[in-house]
N, C-alpha and C. Protein backbone atom coordinates (compact mmCIF):
# COMPACT_ATOMS: atom_id res chain seq x y z
N MET A 1 -28.46 -64.00 -14.39
CA MET A 1 -27.47 -64.34 -15.27
C MET A 1 -26.03 -64.42 -14.48
N SER A 2 -25.83 -63.51 -13.56
CA SER A 2 -24.57 -63.43 -12.92
C SER A 2 -24.28 -64.78 -12.18
N ASP A 3 -25.21 -65.45 -11.62
CA ASP A 3 -24.99 -66.78 -10.97
C ASP A 3 -24.63 -67.79 -12.03
N HIS A 4 -25.17 -67.72 -13.15
CA HIS A 4 -24.91 -68.70 -14.34
C HIS A 4 -23.45 -68.41 -14.74
N VAL A 5 -23.07 -67.25 -14.89
CA VAL A 5 -21.79 -66.82 -15.36
C VAL A 5 -20.71 -67.43 -14.44
N ALA A 6 -21.01 -67.15 -13.12
CA ALA A 6 -19.94 -67.57 -12.01
C ALA A 6 -19.75 -69.01 -12.07
N TYR A 7 -20.99 -69.73 -12.05
CA TYR A 7 -20.90 -71.31 -12.11
C TYR A 7 -20.30 -71.82 -13.32
N ALA A 8 -20.58 -71.16 -14.45
CA ALA A 8 -20.10 -71.57 -15.73
C ALA A 8 -18.55 -71.40 -15.81
N LEU A 9 -18.07 -70.36 -15.26
CA LEU A 9 -16.67 -70.01 -15.19
C LEU A 9 -15.95 -71.13 -14.27
N LEU A 10 -16.57 -71.46 -13.21
CA LEU A 10 -15.92 -72.52 -12.36
C LEU A 10 -15.97 -73.83 -13.12
N ALA A 11 -17.04 -74.14 -13.68
CA ALA A 11 -17.11 -75.48 -14.44
C ALA A 11 -16.15 -75.42 -15.61
N TYR A 12 -16.09 -74.39 -16.29
CA TYR A 12 -15.16 -74.30 -17.50
C TYR A 12 -13.72 -74.39 -16.97
N THR A 13 -13.40 -73.64 -16.07
CA THR A 13 -11.86 -73.70 -15.49
C THR A 13 -11.58 -75.06 -15.00
N GLY A 14 -12.49 -75.69 -14.19
CA GLY A 14 -12.18 -77.01 -13.77
C GLY A 14 -12.04 -78.03 -14.87
N LEU A 15 -12.92 -78.05 -15.85
CA LEU A 15 -12.88 -78.95 -16.98
C LEU A 15 -11.55 -78.70 -17.85
N GLN A 16 -11.28 -77.41 -18.01
CA GLN A 16 -10.04 -77.09 -18.66
C GLN A 16 -8.80 -77.56 -18.08
N ILE A 17 -8.67 -77.48 -16.78
CA ILE A 17 -7.49 -77.96 -16.07
C ILE A 17 -7.54 -79.53 -16.09
N TRP A 18 -8.70 -80.13 -16.04
CA TRP A 18 -8.83 -81.64 -16.07
C TRP A 18 -8.38 -82.07 -17.48
N VAL A 19 -8.91 -81.50 -18.51
CA VAL A 19 -8.50 -81.93 -19.87
C VAL A 19 -7.03 -81.61 -20.12
N THR A 20 -6.52 -80.57 -19.65
CA THR A 20 -5.19 -80.15 -20.00
C THR A 20 -4.28 -81.21 -19.22
N MET A 21 -4.57 -81.48 -18.03
CA MET A 21 -3.76 -82.51 -17.29
C MET A 21 -3.85 -83.87 -17.96
N GLY A 22 -4.91 -84.22 -18.47
CA GLY A 22 -5.16 -85.44 -19.26
C GLY A 22 -4.14 -85.39 -20.47
N ALA A 23 -4.10 -84.24 -21.17
CA ALA A 23 -3.19 -84.13 -22.31
C ALA A 23 -1.80 -84.33 -21.86
N LEU A 24 -1.38 -83.81 -20.77
CA LEU A 24 -0.07 -83.83 -20.27
C LEU A 24 0.27 -85.26 -19.91
N LYS A 25 -0.61 -85.90 -19.30
CA LYS A 25 -0.36 -87.37 -18.91
C LYS A 25 -0.22 -88.34 -20.11
N SER A 26 -0.66 -87.84 -21.29
CA SER A 26 -0.72 -88.72 -22.32
C SER A 26 0.74 -88.77 -23.04
N GLY A 27 1.58 -88.20 -22.48
CA GLY A 27 3.02 -88.23 -23.04
C GLY A 27 3.47 -87.09 -23.87
N HIS A 28 2.71 -86.00 -23.95
CA HIS A 28 3.08 -84.82 -24.65
C HIS A 28 4.00 -84.00 -23.88
N SER A 29 5.19 -83.89 -24.27
CA SER A 29 6.17 -83.09 -23.47
C SER A 29 6.34 -81.78 -24.32
N SER A 30 5.26 -81.07 -24.28
CA SER A 30 5.29 -79.83 -25.08
C SER A 30 4.67 -78.64 -24.19
N ILE A 31 4.85 -77.44 -24.62
CA ILE A 31 4.28 -76.35 -23.84
C ILE A 31 2.85 -76.05 -24.36
N LEU A 32 2.37 -76.70 -25.42
CA LEU A 32 1.04 -76.50 -25.93
C LEU A 32 -0.07 -76.63 -25.05
N PRO A 33 -0.06 -77.80 -24.20
CA PRO A 33 -1.12 -77.80 -23.20
C PRO A 33 -1.22 -76.72 -22.24
N TYR A 34 -0.11 -76.26 -21.68
CA TYR A 34 0.07 -75.24 -20.87
C TYR A 34 -0.50 -73.90 -21.54
N PHE A 35 -0.02 -73.66 -22.79
CA PHE A 35 -0.52 -72.49 -23.53
C PHE A 35 -2.00 -72.51 -23.67
N ALA A 36 -2.59 -73.72 -24.02
CA ALA A 36 -3.92 -73.88 -24.12
C ALA A 36 -4.69 -73.46 -22.91
N LEU A 37 -4.21 -73.95 -21.76
CA LEU A 37 -4.78 -73.65 -20.49
C LEU A 37 -4.87 -72.18 -20.25
N ILE A 38 -3.72 -71.45 -20.40
CA ILE A 38 -3.63 -69.98 -20.16
C ILE A 38 -4.46 -69.26 -21.03
N VAL A 39 -4.46 -69.57 -22.29
CA VAL A 39 -5.23 -68.79 -23.36
C VAL A 39 -6.75 -69.01 -23.13
N LEU A 40 -7.10 -70.23 -22.96
CA LEU A 40 -8.51 -70.52 -22.86
C LEU A 40 -9.14 -70.03 -21.54
N VAL A 41 -8.45 -69.99 -20.42
CA VAL A 41 -9.05 -69.45 -19.24
C VAL A 41 -9.05 -68.00 -19.41
N ALA A 42 -8.09 -67.31 -19.91
CA ALA A 42 -8.09 -65.90 -20.07
C ALA A 42 -9.10 -65.44 -21.06
N ALA A 43 -9.26 -66.21 -22.04
CA ALA A 43 -10.34 -65.84 -23.12
C ALA A 43 -11.78 -65.97 -22.74
N ILE A 44 -11.99 -66.80 -21.96
CA ILE A 44 -13.45 -67.05 -21.54
C ILE A 44 -14.00 -65.95 -20.68
N ILE A 45 -13.12 -65.29 -19.92
CA ILE A 45 -13.62 -64.25 -18.95
C ILE A 45 -14.31 -63.10 -19.67
N PRO A 46 -13.76 -62.46 -20.72
CA PRO A 46 -14.40 -61.47 -21.41
C PRO A 46 -15.78 -61.93 -22.15
N ALA A 47 -15.79 -63.14 -22.73
CA ALA A 47 -16.87 -63.68 -23.29
C ALA A 47 -18.09 -63.87 -22.12
N CYS A 48 -17.74 -64.24 -21.15
CA CYS A 48 -18.69 -64.39 -20.04
C CYS A 48 -19.27 -63.09 -19.55
N ARG A 49 -18.34 -62.18 -19.49
CA ARG A 49 -18.73 -60.78 -19.07
C ARG A 49 -19.66 -60.10 -20.10
N MET A 50 -19.60 -60.51 -21.46
CA MET A 50 -20.60 -60.03 -22.44
C MET A 50 -21.97 -60.54 -22.16
N PHE A 51 -22.14 -61.83 -21.64
CA PHE A 51 -23.32 -62.36 -21.28
C PHE A 51 -23.93 -61.60 -20.20
N GLU A 52 -23.06 -61.45 -19.21
CA GLU A 52 -23.61 -60.75 -17.93
C GLU A 52 -23.86 -59.33 -18.20
N GLN A 53 -23.25 -58.60 -18.95
CA GLN A 53 -23.58 -57.18 -19.21
C GLN A 53 -24.93 -57.04 -20.06
N ARG A 54 -25.21 -58.03 -20.82
CA ARG A 54 -26.55 -57.90 -21.56
C ARG A 54 -27.64 -57.99 -20.60
N TRP A 55 -27.52 -58.68 -19.46
CA TRP A 55 -28.67 -58.82 -18.60
C TRP A 55 -28.55 -58.02 -17.30
N ASP A 56 -27.39 -57.36 -17.19
CA ASP A 56 -27.15 -56.52 -15.96
C ASP A 56 -27.95 -55.27 -15.76
N GLY A 57 -28.13 -54.70 -16.86
CA GLY A 57 -28.90 -53.31 -16.77
C GLY A 57 -30.42 -53.50 -16.75
N ILE A 58 -30.92 -54.65 -16.71
CA ILE A 58 -32.39 -54.86 -16.85
C ILE A 58 -33.04 -54.70 -15.44
N SER A 59 -34.02 -53.91 -15.39
CA SER A 59 -34.68 -53.78 -14.04
C SER A 59 -35.54 -55.00 -13.70
N ASP A 60 -36.14 -55.05 -12.54
CA ASP A 60 -36.90 -56.29 -12.25
C ASP A 60 -38.21 -56.15 -13.03
N SER A 61 -38.78 -55.10 -13.32
CA SER A 61 -40.02 -55.14 -14.16
C SER A 61 -39.79 -55.58 -15.50
N GLU A 62 -38.55 -55.19 -16.09
CA GLU A 62 -38.22 -55.63 -17.49
C GLU A 62 -37.88 -57.06 -17.42
N ALA A 63 -37.17 -57.59 -16.35
CA ALA A 63 -36.95 -59.12 -16.25
C ALA A 63 -38.15 -59.97 -16.24
N SER A 64 -39.23 -59.47 -15.81
CA SER A 64 -40.41 -60.24 -15.70
C SER A 64 -41.13 -60.17 -17.05
N ASN A 65 -40.67 -59.64 -18.05
CA ASN A 65 -41.24 -59.55 -19.40
C ASN A 65 -41.16 -60.95 -20.04
N PRO A 66 -42.26 -61.60 -20.45
CA PRO A 66 -42.26 -62.89 -21.01
C PRO A 66 -41.47 -62.96 -22.32
N GLU A 67 -41.42 -61.77 -23.02
CA GLU A 67 -40.74 -61.74 -24.31
C GLU A 67 -39.14 -61.97 -24.12
N LEU A 68 -38.70 -61.66 -23.02
CA LEU A 68 -37.30 -61.84 -22.73
C LEU A 68 -36.83 -63.17 -22.31
N ALA A 69 -37.90 -64.06 -21.95
CA ALA A 69 -37.61 -65.33 -21.36
C ALA A 69 -36.83 -66.20 -22.38
N ASP A 70 -37.34 -66.20 -23.58
CA ASP A 70 -36.66 -67.01 -24.69
C ASP A 70 -35.25 -66.46 -24.91
N ARG A 71 -34.93 -65.17 -24.93
CA ARG A 71 -33.66 -64.74 -25.03
C ARG A 71 -32.77 -65.18 -23.98
N PHE A 72 -33.28 -64.96 -22.67
CA PHE A 72 -32.48 -65.42 -21.55
C PHE A 72 -32.19 -66.87 -21.56
N LYS A 73 -33.10 -67.75 -21.91
CA LYS A 73 -32.96 -69.17 -22.06
C LYS A 73 -31.88 -69.56 -23.18
N ARG A 74 -31.87 -68.81 -24.35
CA ARG A 74 -30.95 -68.94 -25.28
C ARG A 74 -29.48 -68.65 -24.91
N ASP A 75 -29.39 -67.45 -24.19
CA ASP A 75 -28.11 -66.96 -23.66
C ASP A 75 -27.57 -68.02 -22.61
N ARG A 76 -28.35 -68.48 -21.75
CA ARG A 76 -28.02 -69.42 -20.80
C ARG A 76 -27.60 -70.63 -21.37
N LEU A 77 -28.28 -71.17 -22.33
CA LEU A 77 -27.92 -72.40 -23.11
C LEU A 77 -26.53 -72.27 -23.68
N VAL A 78 -26.30 -71.12 -24.48
CA VAL A 78 -25.08 -70.89 -25.12
C VAL A 78 -23.94 -70.77 -24.17
N LEU A 79 -24.19 -70.08 -23.09
CA LEU A 79 -23.20 -69.98 -21.96
C LEU A 79 -22.71 -71.33 -21.53
N TRP A 80 -23.62 -72.15 -21.22
CA TRP A 80 -23.28 -73.52 -20.66
C TRP A 80 -22.72 -74.49 -21.63
N LEU A 81 -23.25 -74.38 -22.87
CA LEU A 81 -22.61 -75.17 -24.08
C LEU A 81 -21.12 -74.88 -24.17
N CYS A 82 -20.90 -73.49 -24.30
CA CYS A 82 -19.51 -73.08 -24.22
C CYS A 82 -18.71 -73.51 -23.09
N ALA A 83 -19.14 -73.34 -21.82
CA ALA A 83 -18.39 -73.67 -20.76
C ALA A 83 -18.13 -75.14 -20.68
N LEU A 84 -19.01 -75.96 -21.13
CA LEU A 84 -18.74 -77.42 -20.98
C LEU A 84 -18.16 -78.07 -22.26
N GLY A 85 -18.31 -77.31 -23.45
CA GLY A 85 -17.78 -77.89 -24.59
C GLY A 85 -16.31 -77.40 -25.04
N LEU A 86 -16.13 -76.13 -24.79
CA LEU A 86 -14.90 -75.51 -25.38
C LEU A 86 -13.68 -76.21 -24.73
N PRO A 87 -13.58 -76.61 -23.52
CA PRO A 87 -12.33 -77.18 -22.96
C PRO A 87 -11.91 -78.40 -23.83
N PHE A 88 -12.96 -79.25 -24.21
CA PHE A 88 -12.67 -80.46 -24.94
C PHE A 88 -12.32 -80.12 -26.41
N LEU A 89 -13.15 -79.15 -26.96
CA LEU A 89 -12.96 -78.86 -28.35
C LEU A 89 -11.51 -78.11 -28.63
N LEU A 90 -11.24 -77.19 -27.79
CA LEU A 90 -9.92 -76.48 -28.09
C LEU A 90 -8.71 -77.23 -27.54
N THR A 91 -8.77 -77.94 -26.55
CA THR A 91 -7.74 -78.84 -26.27
C THR A 91 -7.46 -79.96 -27.47
N GLY A 92 -8.61 -80.34 -27.91
CA GLY A 92 -8.40 -81.32 -29.01
C GLY A 92 -7.71 -80.70 -30.18
N LEU A 93 -8.10 -79.40 -30.50
CA LEU A 93 -7.45 -78.68 -31.54
C LEU A 93 -5.93 -78.45 -31.42
N PHE A 94 -5.62 -78.16 -30.10
CA PHE A 94 -4.27 -78.00 -29.74
C PHE A 94 -3.41 -79.40 -29.92
N LYS A 95 -4.07 -80.52 -29.62
CA LYS A 95 -3.55 -81.82 -29.81
C LYS A 95 -3.27 -82.09 -31.22
N VAL A 96 -4.30 -81.74 -32.07
CA VAL A 96 -4.14 -82.00 -33.54
C VAL A 96 -3.04 -81.08 -34.08
N ALA A 97 -2.90 -79.85 -33.56
CA ALA A 97 -1.84 -78.99 -33.99
C ALA A 97 -0.48 -79.52 -33.68
N TYR A 98 -0.37 -80.15 -32.37
CA TYR A 98 0.88 -80.72 -31.94
C TYR A 98 1.26 -81.91 -32.74
N SER A 99 0.21 -82.72 -33.08
CA SER A 99 0.54 -83.95 -33.88
C SER A 99 1.02 -83.51 -35.30
N LEU A 100 0.61 -82.50 -35.87
CA LEU A 100 1.03 -81.96 -37.20
C LEU A 100 2.40 -81.42 -37.17
N MET A 101 2.99 -81.15 -36.06
CA MET A 101 4.31 -80.59 -36.05
C MET A 101 5.36 -81.61 -36.24
């Protein structure tokens, strides 16, 4: 899980920067995109650590247990969906909030 967390953090941070820069280029002269970038990068680290801690204390013999395979796949899927989806979702929410101001 540690490898997935590390790569998901890289993907998430890269996407968040890319999405935020796109929002800045679209003409918004607000601090909201910068705020979104800081908050979202800082918020994802504890969430990823939660995934890693769940699997960190498992021994090799426990890790080979087939009953844990589905839970591992689910956690891995949720981790990657969050890493790839949250930058777009949350930056979109910040854009909507900005347009309502």
